[in-house]
Amino acid sequence: MLHSVLCKLPEPLDLEGLICKTVQLFECYPPETLQSWRSISQWSVLKTTMHLDQAPIQTIEEGEMFFKRQASQLKRAELQQHTLETLWRYRRPVGTMGLAVIVGLSSWWLGRGSNPPLAVLNNDVFSAFWQRLQRALWR
């Protein structure tokens, strides 16, 4: 695979010129100033060995630890993305179930207590709900 990529490089490859342009870009636009820099994991090799003086100091064990942390962070993000996609796919059934739970809890809350409110006896559910809400807020 590496061979096929290297074969596609242009024949008169100006490696020194590419390196000089890369250094100029790095100096003009440091990675910390780019918008996407915040989305890169703090455990990424791009951040843990960003400066040349950091690379020789880092041990293999530290590198493996950073790699494991980044891998677990990526798995967590993938799981979160999958969960959001599943919730979006089943948003109507989830919304219906949520509404049913809210109606059930509201009816339980309105019906709790020893004596039902007078308004419920008169079939005025809204005023009973309003009275309970006012009592709950003014406690």
Protein backbone atom coordinates (compact mmCIF):
# COMPACT_ATOMS: atom_id res chain seq x y z
CA MET A 1 0.00 0.00 0.00
CA LEU A 2 2.82 2.37 0.88
CA HIS A 3 4.50 1.46 -2.41
CA SER A 4 1.38 2.37 -4.41
CA VAL A 5 1.11 5.73 -2.64
CA LEU A 6 4.80 6.49 -3.20
CA CYS A 7 4.50 5.56 -6.89
CA LYS A 8 1.82 8.21 -7.37
CA LEU A 9 4.09 11.04 -6.22
CA PRO A 10 5.23 13.38 -8.99
CA GLU A 11 8.63 12.57 -10.47
CA PRO A 12 10.42 15.88 -9.93
CA LEU A 13 9.52 16.02 -6.24
CA ASP A 14 10.89 19.16 -4.61
CA LEU A 15 11.12 17.79 -1.06
CA GLU A 16 13.09 20.75 0.33
CA GLY A 17 10.53 23.19 -1.10
CA LEU A 18 7.65 21.22 0.43
CA ILE A 19 9.36 21.21 3.81
CA CYS A 20 9.96 24.99 3.64
CA LYS A 21 6.30 25.65 2.71
CA THR A 22 5.17 23.37 5.54
CA VAL A 23 7.28 25.26 8.07
CA GLN A 24 5.93 28.59 6.77
CA LEU A 25 2.35 27.36 7.10
CA PHE A 26 3.05 26.08 10.62
CA GLU A 27 4.48 29.46 11.63
CA CYS A 28 1.68 31.50 9.99
CA TYR A 29 -1.13 29.25 11.20
CA PRO A 30 -0.20 27.46 14.42
CA PRO A 31 -2.47 24.46 15.08
CA GLU A 32 -3.82 25.99 18.31
CA THR A 33 -5.39 28.83 16.30
CA LEU A 34 -7.35 26.56 13.95
CA GLN A 35 -11.06 25.96 14.61
CA SER A 36 -10.84 22.19 14.41
CA TRP A 37 -8.01 22.04 16.97
CA ARG A 38 -10.52 21.93 19.84
CA SER A 39 -12.20 18.85 18.39
CA ILE A 40 -8.95 16.86 18.44
CA SER A 41 -8.55 14.64 21.49
CA GLN A 42 -6.23 15.87 24.22
CA TRP A 43 -4.64 12.41 24.13
CA SER A 44 -3.86 12.61 20.40
CA VAL A 45 -0.24 12.37 19.29
CA LEU A 46 -0.80 15.76 17.62
CA LYS A 47 -1.20 17.35 21.05
CA THR A 48 0.98 15.15 23.27
CA THR A 49 4.10 15.52 21.10
CA MET A 50 3.39 18.80 19.36
CA HIS A 51 6.72 20.38 20.19
CA LEU A 52 9.97 18.71 19.23
CA ASP A 53 11.33 18.87 22.78
CA GLN A 54 8.40 16.73 24.04
CA ALA A 55 8.92 13.79 21.69
CA PRO A 56 12.25 12.45 23.04
CA ILE A 57 11.11 12.81 26.67
CA GLN A 58 7.98 10.70 26.20
CA THR A 59 8.40 7.02 27.02
CA ILE A 60 6.79 4.08 25.24
CA GLU A 61 4.56 3.44 28.27
CA GLU A 62 3.29 7.04 28.20
CA GLY A 63 2.63 6.75 24.46
CA GLU A 64 0.67 3.54 24.99
CA MET A 65 -1.31 5.17 27.80
CA PHE A 66 -2.15 8.16 25.56
CA PHE A 67 -3.15 5.78 22.77
CA LYS A 68 -5.45 3.76 25.04
CA ARG A 69 -7.10 6.91 26.37
CA GLN A 70 -7.66 8.26 22.88
CA ALA A 71 -9.03 4.90 21.70
CA SER A 72 -11.49 4.76 24.61
CA GLN A 73 -12.51 8.36 23.93
CA LEU A 74 -13.14 7.50 20.27
CA LYS A 75 -15.22 4.44 21.26
CA ARG A 76 -17.27 6.58 23.63
CA ALA A 77 -17.87 9.18 20.89
CA GLU A 78 -18.86 6.43 18.45
CA LEU A 79 -21.32 4.97 20.98
CA GLN A 80 -22.77 8.43 21.60
CA GLN A 81 -23.18 9.00 17.86
CA HIS A 82 -24.85 5.60 17.45
CA THR A 83 -27.22 6.36 20.36
CA LEU A 84 -28.21 9.71 18.87
CA GLU A 85 -28.82 8.12 15.46
CA THR A 86 -30.98 5.41 17.05
CA LEU A 87 -32.97 7.97 19.03
CA TRP A 88 -33.49 10.01 15.88
CA ARG A 89 -34.59 6.93 13.93
CA TYR A 90 -37.13 6.01 16.62
CA ARG A 91 -38.09 9.56 17.57
CA ARG A 92 -41.83 9.07 17.01
CA PRO A 93 -42.22 5.97 19.19
CA VAL A 94 -39.97 7.52 21.85
CA GLY A 95 -42.02 10.73 21.74
CA THR A 96 -45.26 8.79 22.03
CA MET A 97 -43.93 6.82 25.00
CA GLY A 98 -42.68 10.02 26.61
CA LEU A 99 -46.05 11.66 26.18
CA ALA A 100 -47.76 8.61 27.68
CA VAL A 101 -45.43 8.72 30.69
CA ILE A 102 -46.07 12.45 31.15
CA VAL A 103 -49.84 11.96 30.98
CA GLY A 104 -49.60 9.06 33.45
CA LEU A 105 -47.47 11.03 35.89
CA SER A 106 -49.73 14.07 35.57
CA SER A 107 -52.82 11.98 36.30
CA TRP A 108 -51.12 10.36 39.28
CA TRP A 109 -50.04 13.78 40.56
CA LEU A 110 -53.53 15.22 40.13
CA GLY A 111 -55.14 12.23 41.84
CA ARG A 112 -52.80 11.99 44.81
CA GLY A 113 -53.94 13.12 48.22
CA SER A 114 -56.80 11.92 50.40
CA ASN A 115 -59.55 14.11 48.93
CA PRO A 116 -59.78 14.77 45.23
CA PRO A 117 -59.98 18.46 44.40
CA LEU A 118 -63.42 19.93 43.96
CA ALA A 119 -62.66 20.88 40.38
CA VAL A 120 -62.00 17.23 39.44
CA LEU A 121 -65.42 16.34 40.76
CA ASN A 122 -66.83 19.02 38.45
CA ASN A 123 -64.83 17.56 35.51
CA ASP A 124 -62.66 20.65 35.30
CA VAL A 125 -59.28 18.95 35.03
CA PHE A 126 -57.39 22.05 33.95
CA SER A 127 -58.35 24.06 37.01
CA ALA A 128 -57.50 21.11 39.26
CA PHE A 129 -54.11 20.87 37.62
CA TRP A 130 -53.64 24.62 38.05
CA GLN A 131 -54.58 24.46 41.74
CA ARG A 132 -52.14 21.59 42.37
CA LEU A 133 -49.42 23.42 40.50
CA GLN A 134 -49.96 26.57 42.55
CA ARG A 135 -49.88 24.59 45.80
CA ALA A 136 -46.68 22.86 44.75
CA LEU A 137 -45.00 26.12 43.80
CA TRP A 138 -46.02 27.97 46.98
CA ARG A 139 -44.87 25.29 49.44
